[in-house]
Amino acid sequence: MKEAKAVETRIRADAEAQLKIWEADQTAIEKTAATQTKAKEEGTAARQNATAEKREANYAVAQAKCGALTGADSDRCLQEAKAKFGM
């Protein structure tokens, strides 16, 4: 009877250990997925910010070039720059 109880205790302990390992693995997977998602979101935001900054800088250059023109040419140049750079 004691041997049977000992076997049962060992089996139960092994099962509980496997369950805890599985739960820990699941938690790690969830945290990893959340971390990867956050990193992707931050990367996307950084790329969007960089794109906006480049567009604004290019528009400023175009404005300066248009400033060298006069009258209708200047107006047309500025309209083209606004259309090109989405301003």
PDB file of N, CA and C in Angstrom:
ATOM      1  N   MET A   1       0.822  -1.182   0.000  1.00  0.00           N
ATOM      2  CA  MET A   1       0.000   0.000   0.000  1.00  0.00           C
ATOM      3  C   MET A   1       0.878   1.262   0.000  1.00  0.00           C
ATOM      4  N   LYS A   2       1.969   1.255   0.792  1.00  0.00           N
ATOM      5  CA  LYS A   2       2.857   2.411   0.852  1.00  0.00           C
ATOM      6  C   LYS A   2       3.561   2.629  -0.487  1.00  0.00           C
ATOM      7  N   GLU A   3       3.901   1.525  -1.138  1.00  0.00           N
ATOM      8  CA  GLU A   3       4.539   1.649  -2.453  1.00  0.00           C
ATOM      9  C   GLU A   3       3.580   2.289  -3.447  1.00  0.00           C
ATOM     10  N   ALA A   4       2.334   1.879  -3.413  1.00  0.00           N
ATOM     11  CA  ALA A   4       1.330   2.435  -4.308  1.00  0.00           C
ATOM     12  C   ALA A   4       1.151   3.927  -4.042  1.00  0.00           C
ATOM     13  N   LYS A   5       1.098   4.335  -2.775  1.00  0.00           N
ATOM     14  CA  LYS A   5       0.967   5.753  -2.413  1.00  0.00           C
ATOM     15  C   LYS A   5       2.201   6.534  -2.891  1.00  0.00           C
ATOM     16  N   ALA A   6       3.378   5.928  -2.767  1.00  0.00           N
ATOM     17  CA  ALA A   6       4.611   6.585  -3.201  1.00  0.00           C
ATOM     18  C   ALA A   6       4.600   6.780  -4.717  1.00  0.00           C
ATOM     19  N   VAL A   7       4.145   5.771  -5.443  1.00  0.00           N
ATOM     20  CA  VAL A   7       4.047   5.877  -6.900  1.00  0.00           C
ATOM     21  C   VAL A   7       3.055   6.983  -7.266  1.00  0.00           C
ATOM     22  N   GLU A   8       1.914   6.990  -6.579  1.00  0.00           N
ATOM     23  CA  GLU A   8       0.904   8.022  -6.831  1.00  0.00           C
ATOM     24  C   GLU A   8       1.477   9.412  -6.549  1.00  0.00           C
ATOM     25  N   THR A   9       2.205   9.566  -5.483  1.00  0.00           N
ATOM     26  CA  THR A   9       2.806  10.856  -5.118  1.00  0.00           C
ATOM     27  C   THR A   9       3.803  11.293  -6.182  1.00  0.00           C
ATOM     28  N   ARG A  10       4.635  10.351  -6.660  1.00  0.00           N
ATOM     29  CA  ARG A  10       5.607  10.681  -7.698  1.00  0.00           C
ATOM     30  C   ARG A  10       4.909  11.105  -8.989  1.00  0.00           C
ATOM     31  N   ILE A  11       3.874  10.366  -9.370  1.00  0.00           N
ATOM     32  CA  ILE A  11       3.144  10.683 -10.602  1.00  0.00           C
ATOM     33  C   ILE A  11       2.477  12.049 -10.482  1.00  0.00           C
ATOM     34  N   ARG A  12       1.855  12.294  -9.332  1.00  0.00           N
ATOM     35  CA  ARG A  12       1.191  13.572  -9.106  1.00  0.00           C
ATOM     36  C   ARG A  12       2.212  14.720  -9.129  1.00  0.00           C
ATOM     37  N   ALA A  13       3.356  14.524  -8.494  1.00  0.00           N
ATOM     38  CA  ALA A  13       4.395  15.559  -8.457  1.00  0.00           C
ATOM     39  C   ALA A  13       4.915  15.840  -9.868  1.00  0.00           C
ATOM     40  N   ASP A  14       5.132  14.783 -10.654  1.00  0.00           N
ATOM     41  CA  ASP A  14       5.575  14.961 -12.037  1.00  0.00           C
ATOM     42  C   ASP A  14       4.535  15.720 -12.850  1.00  0.00           C
ATOM     43  N   ALA A  15       3.280  15.366 -12.679  1.00  0.00           N
ATOM     44  CA  ALA A  15       2.205  16.030 -13.420  1.00  0.00           C
ATOM     45  C   ALA A  15       2.107  17.503 -13.033  1.00  0.00           C
ATOM     46  N   GLU A  16       2.204  17.795 -11.759  1.00  0.00           N
ATOM     47  CA  GLU A  16       2.154  19.179 -11.305  1.00  0.00           C
ATOM     48  C   GLU A  16       3.348  19.972 -11.836  1.00  0.00           C
ATOM     49  N   ALA A  17       4.502  19.350 -11.853  1.00  0.00           N
ATOM     50  CA  ALA A  17       5.697  20.017 -12.380  1.00  0.00           C
ATOM     51  C   ALA A  17       5.526  20.298 -13.872  1.00  0.00           C
ATOM     52  N   GLN A  18       5.013  19.353 -14.615  1.00  0.00           N
ATOM     53  CA  GLN A  18       4.800  19.544 -16.044  1.00  0.00           C
ATOM     54  C   GLN A  18       3.781  20.660 -16.293  1.00  0.00           C
ATOM     55  N   LEU A  19       2.735  20.708 -15.483  1.00  0.00           N
ATOM     56  CA  LEU A  19       1.732  21.755 -15.613  1.00  0.00           C
ATOM     57  C   LEU A  19       2.354  23.127 -15.354  1.00  0.00           C
ATOM     58  N   LYS A  20       3.169  23.237 -14.300  1.00  0.00           N
ATOM     59  CA  LYS A  20       3.805  24.515 -13.990  1.00  0.00           C
ATOM     60  C   LYS A  20       4.766  24.937 -15.099  1.00  0.00           C
ATOM     61  N   ILE A  21       5.483  23.983 -15.651  1.00  0.00           N
ATOM     62  CA  ILE A  21       6.393  24.288 -16.760  1.00  0.00           C
ATOM     63  C   ILE A  21       5.602  24.776 -17.966  1.00  0.00           C
ATOM     64  N   TRP A  22       4.507  24.095 -18.268  1.00  0.00           N
ATOM     65  CA  TRP A  22       3.677  24.481 -19.403  1.00  0.00           C
ATOM     66  C   TRP A  22       3.111  25.887 -19.188  1.00  0.00           C
ATOM     67  N   GLU A  23       2.619  26.164 -17.986  1.00  0.00           N
ATOM     68  CA  GLU A  23       2.074  27.489 -17.684  1.00  0.00           C
ATOM     69  C   GLU A  23       3.148  28.567 -17.820  1.00  0.00           C
ATOM     70  N   ALA A  24       4.353  28.278 -17.348  1.00  0.00           N
ATOM     71  CA  ALA A  24       5.456  29.238 -17.458  1.00  0.00           C
ATOM     72  C   ALA A  24       5.805  29.480 -18.928  1.00  0.00           C
ATOM     73  N   ASP A  25       5.809  28.415 -19.717  1.00  0.00           N
ATOM     74  CA  ASP A  25       6.079  28.550 -21.146  1.00  0.00           C
ATOM     75  C   ASP A  25       5.015  29.410 -21.823  1.00  0.00           C
ATOM     76  N   GLN A  26       3.763  29.193 -21.475  1.00  0.00           N
ATOM     77  CA  GLN A  26       2.679  29.979 -22.066  1.00  0.00           C
ATOM     78  C   GLN A  26       2.809  31.454 -21.705  1.00  0.00           C
ATOM     79  N   THR A  27       3.150  31.731 -20.463  1.00  0.00           N
ATOM     80  CA  THR A  27       3.342  33.111 -20.028  1.00  0.00           C
ATOM     81  C   THR A  27       4.487  33.754 -20.802  1.00  0.00           C
ATOM     82  N   ALA A  28       5.567  33.010 -20.981  1.00  0.00           N
ATOM     83  CA  ALA A  28       6.718  33.530 -21.723  1.00  0.00           C
ATOM     84  C   ALA A  28       6.339  33.814 -23.176  1.00  0.00           C
ATOM     85  N   ILE A  29       5.569  32.938 -23.778  1.00  0.00           N
ATOM     86  CA  ILE A  29       5.132  33.133 -25.165  1.00  0.00           C
ATOM     87  C   ILE A  29       4.272  34.389 -25.271  1.00  0.00           C
ATOM     88  N   GLU A  30       3.345  34.566 -24.342  1.00  0.00           N
ATOM     89  CA  GLU A  30       2.476  35.743 -24.362  1.00  0.00           C
ATOM     90  C   GLU A  30       3.284  37.027 -24.194  1.00  0.00           C
ATOM     91  N   LYS A  31       4.235  37.019 -23.267  1.00  0.00           N
ATOM     92  CA  LYS A  31       5.052  38.203 -23.049  1.00  0.00           C
ATOM     93  C   LYS A  31       5.905  38.501 -24.271  1.00  0.00           C
ATOM     94  N   THR A  32       6.436  37.463 -24.894  1.00  0.00           N
ATOM     95  CA  THR A  32       7.251  37.641 -26.085  1.00  0.00           C
ATOM     96  C   THR A  32       6.419  38.232 -27.209  1.00  0.00           C
ATOM     97  N   ALA A  33       5.215  37.726 -27.396  1.00  0.00           N
ATOM     98  CA  ALA A  33       4.340  38.246 -28.448  1.00  0.00           C
ATOM     99  C   ALA A  33       4.005  39.711 -28.187  1.00  0.00           C
ATOM    100  N   ALA A  34       3.723  40.038 -26.937  1.00  0.00           N
ATOM    101  CA  ALA A  34       3.402  41.428 -26.593  1.00  0.00           C
ATOM    102  C   ALA A  34       4.610  42.330 -26.834  1.00  0.00           C
ATOM    103  N   THR A  35       5.782  41.855 -26.488  1.00  0.00           N
ATOM    104  CA  THR A  35       7.002  42.634 -26.688  1.00  0.00           C
ATOM    105  C   THR A  35       7.266  42.840 -28.171  1.00  0.00           C
ATOM    106  N   GLN A  36       7.071  41.802 -28.967  1.00  0.00           N
ATOM    107  CA  GLN A  36       7.275  41.924 -30.408  1.00  0.00           C
ATOM    108  C   GLN A  36       6.278  42.900 -31.019  1.00  0.00           C
ATOM    109  N   THR A  37       5.036  42.840 -30.579  1.00  0.00           N
ATOM    110  CA  THR A  37       4.021  43.759 -31.085  1.00  0.00           C
ATOM    111  C   THR A  37       4.378  45.189 -30.747  1.00  0.00           C
ATOM    112  N   LYS A  38       4.806  45.419 -29.506  1.00  0.00           N
ATOM    113  CA  LYS A  38       5.184  46.768 -29.085  1.00  0.00           C
ATOM    114  C   LYS A  38       6.368  47.269 -29.904  1.00  0.00           C
ATOM    115  N   ALA A  39       7.348  46.420 -30.130  1.00  0.00           N
ATOM    116  CA  ALA A  39       8.522  46.813 -30.906  1.00  0.00           C
ATOM    117  C   ALA A  39       8.123  47.166 -32.340  1.00  0.00           C
ATOM    118  N   LYS A  40       7.217  46.391 -32.924  1.00  0.00           N
ATOM    119  CA  LYS A  40       6.760  46.680 -34.282  1.00  0.00           C
ATOM    120  C   LYS A  40       6.033  48.015 -34.328  1.00  0.00           C
ATOM    121  N   GLU A  41       5.193  48.274 -33.334  1.00  0.00           N
ATOM    122  CA  GLU A  41       4.452  49.536 -33.282  1.00  0.00           C
ATOM    123  C   GLU A  41       5.409  50.718 -33.139  1.00  0.00           C
ATOM    124  N   GLU A  42       6.409  50.577 -32.286  1.00  0.00           N
ATOM    125  CA  GLU A  42       7.379  51.650 -32.091  1.00  0.00           C
ATOM    126  C   GLU A  42       8.198  51.874 -33.365  1.00  0.00           C
ATOM    127  N   GLY A  43       8.542  50.796 -34.044  1.00  0.00           N
ATOM    128  CA  GLY A  43       9.285  50.914 -35.301  1.00  0.00           C
ATOM    129  C   GLY A  43       8.458  51.603 -36.369  1.00  0.00           C
ATOM    130  N   THR A  44       7.199  51.247 -36.445  1.00  0.00           N
ATOM    131  CA  THR A  44       6.299  51.877 -37.419  1.00  0.00           C
ATOM    132  C   THR A  44       6.173  53.365 -37.137  1.00  0.00           C
ATOM    133  N   ALA A  45       5.997  53.716 -35.879  1.00  0.00           N
ATOM    134  CA  ALA A  45       5.878  55.126 -35.502  1.00  0.00           C
ATOM    135  C   ALA A  45       7.159  55.890 -35.845  1.00  0.00           C
ATOM    136  N   ALA A  46       8.293  55.288 -35.596  1.00  0.00           N
ATOM    137  CA  ALA A  46       9.571  55.943 -35.897  1.00  0.00           C
ATOM    138  C   ALA A  46       9.720  56.169 -37.400  1.00  0.00           C
ATOM    139  N   ARG A  47       9.343  55.161 -38.201  1.00  0.00           N
ATOM    140  CA  ARG A  47       9.424  55.310 -39.654  1.00  0.00           C
ATOM    141  C   ARG A  47       8.468  56.403 -40.147  1.00  0.00           C
ATOM    142  N   GLN A  48       7.271  56.450 -39.576  1.00  0.00           N
ATOM    143  CA  GLN A  48       6.306  57.479 -39.967  1.00  0.00           C
ATOM    144  C   GLN A  48       6.818  58.871 -39.613  1.00  0.00           C
ATOM    145  N   ASN A  49       7.394  59.010 -38.436  1.00  0.00           N
ATOM    146  CA  ASN A  49       7.955  60.304 -38.024  1.00  0.00           C
ATOM    147  C   ASN A  49       9.093  60.727 -38.947  1.00  0.00           C
ATOM    148  N   ALA A  50       9.956  59.782 -39.280  1.00  0.00           N
ATOM    149  CA  ALA A  50      11.084  60.091 -40.161  1.00  0.00           C
ATOM    150  C   ALA A  50      10.578  60.502 -41.539  1.00  0.00           C
ATOM    151  N   THR A  51       9.561  59.817 -42.035  1.00  0.00           N
ATOM    152  CA  THR A  51       8.995  60.149 -43.335  1.00  0.00           C
ATOM    153  C   THR A  51       8.408  61.558 -43.320  1.00  0.00           C
ATOM    154  N   ALA A  52       7.684  61.888 -42.259  1.00  0.00           N
ATOM    155  CA  ALA A  52       7.092  63.224 -42.144  1.00  0.00           C
ATOM    156  C   ALA A  52       8.177  64.298 -42.068  1.00  0.00           C
ATOM    157  N   GLU A  53       9.222  64.047 -41.308  1.00  0.00           N
ATOM    158  CA  GLU A  53      10.313  65.013 -41.185  1.00  0.00           C
ATOM    159  C   GLU A  53      11.015  65.220 -42.527  1.00  0.00           C
ATOM    160  N   LYS A  54      11.242  64.143 -43.265  1.00  0.00           N
ATOM    161  CA  LYS A  54      11.884  64.264 -44.578  1.00  0.00           C
ATOM    162  C   LYS A  54      10.999  65.045 -45.545  1.00  0.00           C
ATOM    163  N   ARG A  55       9.687  64.742 -45.515  1.00  0.00           N
ATOM    164  CA  ARG A  55       8.759  65.440 -46.399  1.00  0.00           C
ATOM    165  C   ARG A  55       8.755  66.945 -46.075  1.00  0.00           C
ATOM    166  N   GLU A  56       8.733  67.285 -44.796  1.00  0.00           N
ATOM    167  CA  GLU A  56       8.741  68.692 -44.391  1.00  0.00           C
ATOM    168  C   GLU A  56      10.045  69.383 -44.807  1.00  0.00           C
ATOM    169  N   ALA A  57      11.150  68.683 -44.659  1.00  0.00           N
ATOM    170  CA  ALA A  57      12.441  69.260 -45.052  1.00  0.00           C
ATOM    171  C   ALA A  57      12.490  69.478 -46.561  1.00  0.00           C
ATOM    172  N   ASN A  58      12.006  68.515 -47.332  1.00  0.00           N
ATOM    173  CA  ASN A  58      11.993  68.653 -48.786  1.00  0.00           C
ATOM    174  C   ASN A  58      11.063  69.790 -49.220  1.00  0.00           C
ATOM    175  N   TYR A  59       9.958  69.943 -48.522  1.00  0.00           N
ATOM    176  CA  TYR A  59       9.027  71.031 -48.824  1.00  0.00           C
ATOM    177  C   TYR A  59       9.679  72.378 -48.530  1.00  0.00           C
ATOM    178  N   ALA A  60      10.416  72.463 -47.435  1.00  0.00           N
ATOM    179  CA  ALA A  60      11.104  73.708 -47.096  1.00  0.00           C
ATOM    180  C   ALA A  60      12.123  74.073 -48.173  1.00  0.00           C
ATOM    181  N   VAL A  61      12.831  73.078 -48.700  1.00  0.00           N
ATOM    182  CA  VAL A  61      13.794  73.322 -49.778  1.00  0.00           C
ATOM    183  C   VAL A  61      13.057  73.815 -51.022  1.00  0.00           C
ATOM    184  N   ALA A  62      11.945  73.164 -51.346  1.00  0.00           N
ATOM    185  CA  ALA A  62      11.168  73.570 -52.517  1.00  0.00           C
ATOM    186  C   ALA A  62      10.645  74.994 -52.346  1.00  0.00           C
ATOM    187  N   GLN A  63      10.204  75.338 -51.133  1.00  0.00           N
ATOM    188  CA  GLN A  63       9.727  76.703 -50.874  1.00  0.00           C
ATOM    189  C   GLN A  63      10.854  77.717 -51.108  1.00  0.00           C
ATOM    190  N   ALA A  64      12.028  77.372 -50.654  1.00  0.00           N
ATOM    191  CA  ALA A  64      13.163  78.280 -50.837  1.00  0.00           C
ATOM    192  C   ALA A  64      13.466  78.457 -52.322  1.00  0.00           C
ATOM    193  N   LYS A  65      13.407  77.380 -53.077  1.00  0.00           N
ATOM    194  CA  LYS A  65      13.655  77.478 -54.523  1.00  0.00           C
ATOM    195  C   LYS A  65      12.561  78.305 -55.191  1.00  0.00           C
ATOM    196  N   CYS A  66      11.330  78.121 -54.742  1.00  0.00           N
ATOM    197  CA  CYS A  66      10.220  78.881 -55.313  1.00  0.00           C
ATOM    198  C   CYS A  66      10.336  80.359 -54.956  1.00  0.00           C
ATOM    199  N   GLY A  67      10.931  80.638 -53.827  1.00  0.00           N
ATOM    200  CA  GLY A  67      11.111  82.022 -53.393  1.00  0.00           C
ATOM    201  C   GLY A  67      12.011  82.808 -54.332  1.00  0.00           C
ATOM    202  N   ALA A  68      12.829  82.115 -55.067  1.00  0.00           N
ATOM    203  CA  ALA A  68      13.715  82.781 -56.017  1.00  0.00           C
ATOM    204  C   ALA A  68      12.960  83.204 -57.272  1.00  0.00           C
ATOM    205  N   LEU A  69      11.765  82.658 -57.460  1.00  0.00           N
ATOM    206  CA  LEU A  69      10.949  83.005 -58.623  1.00  0.00           C
ATOM    207  C   LEU A  69      10.018  84.160 -58.282  1.00  0.00           C
ATOM    208  N   THR A  70       9.377  84.701 -59.286  1.00  0.00           N
ATOM    209  CA  THR A  70       8.450  85.811 -59.052  1.00  0.00           C
ATOM    210  C   THR A  70       7.118  85.560 -59.729  1.00  0.00           C
ATOM    211  N   GLY A  71       6.089  86.223 -59.234  1.00  0.00           N
ATOM    212  CA  GLY A  71       4.769  86.236 -59.854  1.00  0.00           C
ATOM    213  C   GLY A  71       4.139  84.865 -60.001  1.00  0.00           C
ATOM    214  N   ALA A  72       3.630  84.622 -61.208  1.00  0.00           N
ATOM    215  CA  ALA A  72       2.900  83.385 -61.504  1.00  0.00           C
ATOM    216  C   ALA A  72       3.816  82.164 -61.400  1.00  0.00           C
ATOM    217  N   ASP A  73       5.062  82.348 -61.789  1.00  0.00           N
ATOM    218  CA  ASP A  73       6.009  81.224 -61.691  1.00  0.00           C
ATOM    219  C   ASP A  73       6.177  80.789 -60.239  1.00  0.00           C
ATOM    220  N   SER A  74       6.270  81.732 -59.335  1.00  0.00           N
ATOM    221  CA  SER A  74       6.407  81.432 -57.911  1.00  0.00           C
ATOM    222  C   SER A  74       5.149  80.725 -57.391  1.00  0.00           C
ATOM    223  N   ASP A  75       3.986  81.268 -57.798  1.00  0.00           N
ATOM    224  CA  ASP A  75       2.723  80.652 -57.363  1.00  0.00           C
ATOM    225  C   ASP A  75       2.601  79.219 -57.853  1.00  0.00           C
ATOM    226  N   ARG A  76       2.911  79.009 -59.137  1.00  0.00           N
ATOM    227  CA  ARG A  76       2.840  77.662 -59.713  1.00  0.00           C
ATOM    228  C   ARG A  76       3.841  76.727 -59.022  1.00  0.00           C
ATOM    229  N   CYS A  77       5.017  77.225 -58.764  1.00  0.00           N
ATOM    230  CA  CYS A  77       6.051  76.431 -58.096  1.00  0.00           C
ATOM    231  C   CYS A  77       5.586  75.996 -56.710  1.00  0.00           C
ATOM    232  N   LEU A  78       5.000  76.936 -55.969  1.00  0.00           N
ATOM    233  CA  LEU A  78       4.514  76.603 -54.623  1.00  0.00           C
ATOM    234  C   LEU A  78       3.367  75.608 -54.668  1.00  0.00           C
ATOM    235  N   GLN A  79       2.472  75.756 -55.645  1.00  0.00           N
ATOM    236  CA  GLN A  79       1.360  74.792 -55.771  1.00  0.00           C
ATOM    237  C   GLN A  79       1.892  73.404 -56.086  1.00  0.00           C
ATOM    238  N   GLU A  80       2.883  73.329 -56.959  1.00  0.00           N
ATOM    239  CA  GLU A  80       3.475  72.033 -57.308  1.00  0.00           C
ATOM    240  C   GLU A  80       4.186  71.407 -56.089  1.00  0.00           C
ATOM    241  N   ALA A  81       4.871  72.245 -55.341  1.00  0.00           N
ATOM    242  CA  ALA A  81       5.565  71.750 -54.143  1.00  0.00           C
ATOM    243  C   ALA A  81       4.569  71.232 -53.122  1.00  0.00           C
ATOM    244  N   LYS A  82       3.462  71.969 -52.929  1.00  0.00           N
ATOM    245  CA  LYS A  82       2.431  71.532 -51.983  1.00  0.00           C
ATOM    246  C   LYS A  82       1.828  70.195 -52.416  1.00  0.00           C
ATOM    247  N   ALA A  83       1.570  70.070 -53.711  1.00  0.00           N
ATOM    248  CA  ALA A  83       0.990  68.821 -54.228  1.00  0.00           C
ATOM    249  C   ALA A  83       1.989  67.674 -54.094  1.00  0.00           C
ATOM    250  N   LYS A  84       3.236  67.945 -54.408  1.00  0.00           N
ATOM    251  CA  LYS A  84       4.266  66.899 -54.379  1.00  0.00           C
ATOM    252  C   LYS A  84       4.531  66.399 -52.954  1.00  0.00           C
ATOM    253  N   PHE A  85       4.547  67.325 -51.993  1.00  0.00           N
ATOM    254  CA  PHE A  85       4.910  66.956 -50.632  1.00  0.00           C
ATOM    255  C   PHE A  85       3.714  66.853 -49.688  1.00  0.00           C
ATOM    256  N   GLY A  86       2.513  66.954 -50.238  1.00  0.00           N
ATOM    257  CA  GLY A  86       1.306  66.741 -49.439  1.00  0.00           C
ATOM    258  C   GLY A  86       1.080  67.787 -48.364  1.00  0.00           C
ATOM    259  N   MET A  87       1.386  68.992 -48.660  1.00  0.00           N
ATOM    260  CA  MET A  87       1.228  70.068 -47.671  1.00  0.00           C
ATOM    261  C   MET A  87      -0.024  70.852 -47.950  1.00  0.00           C
TER     262      MET A  87
END
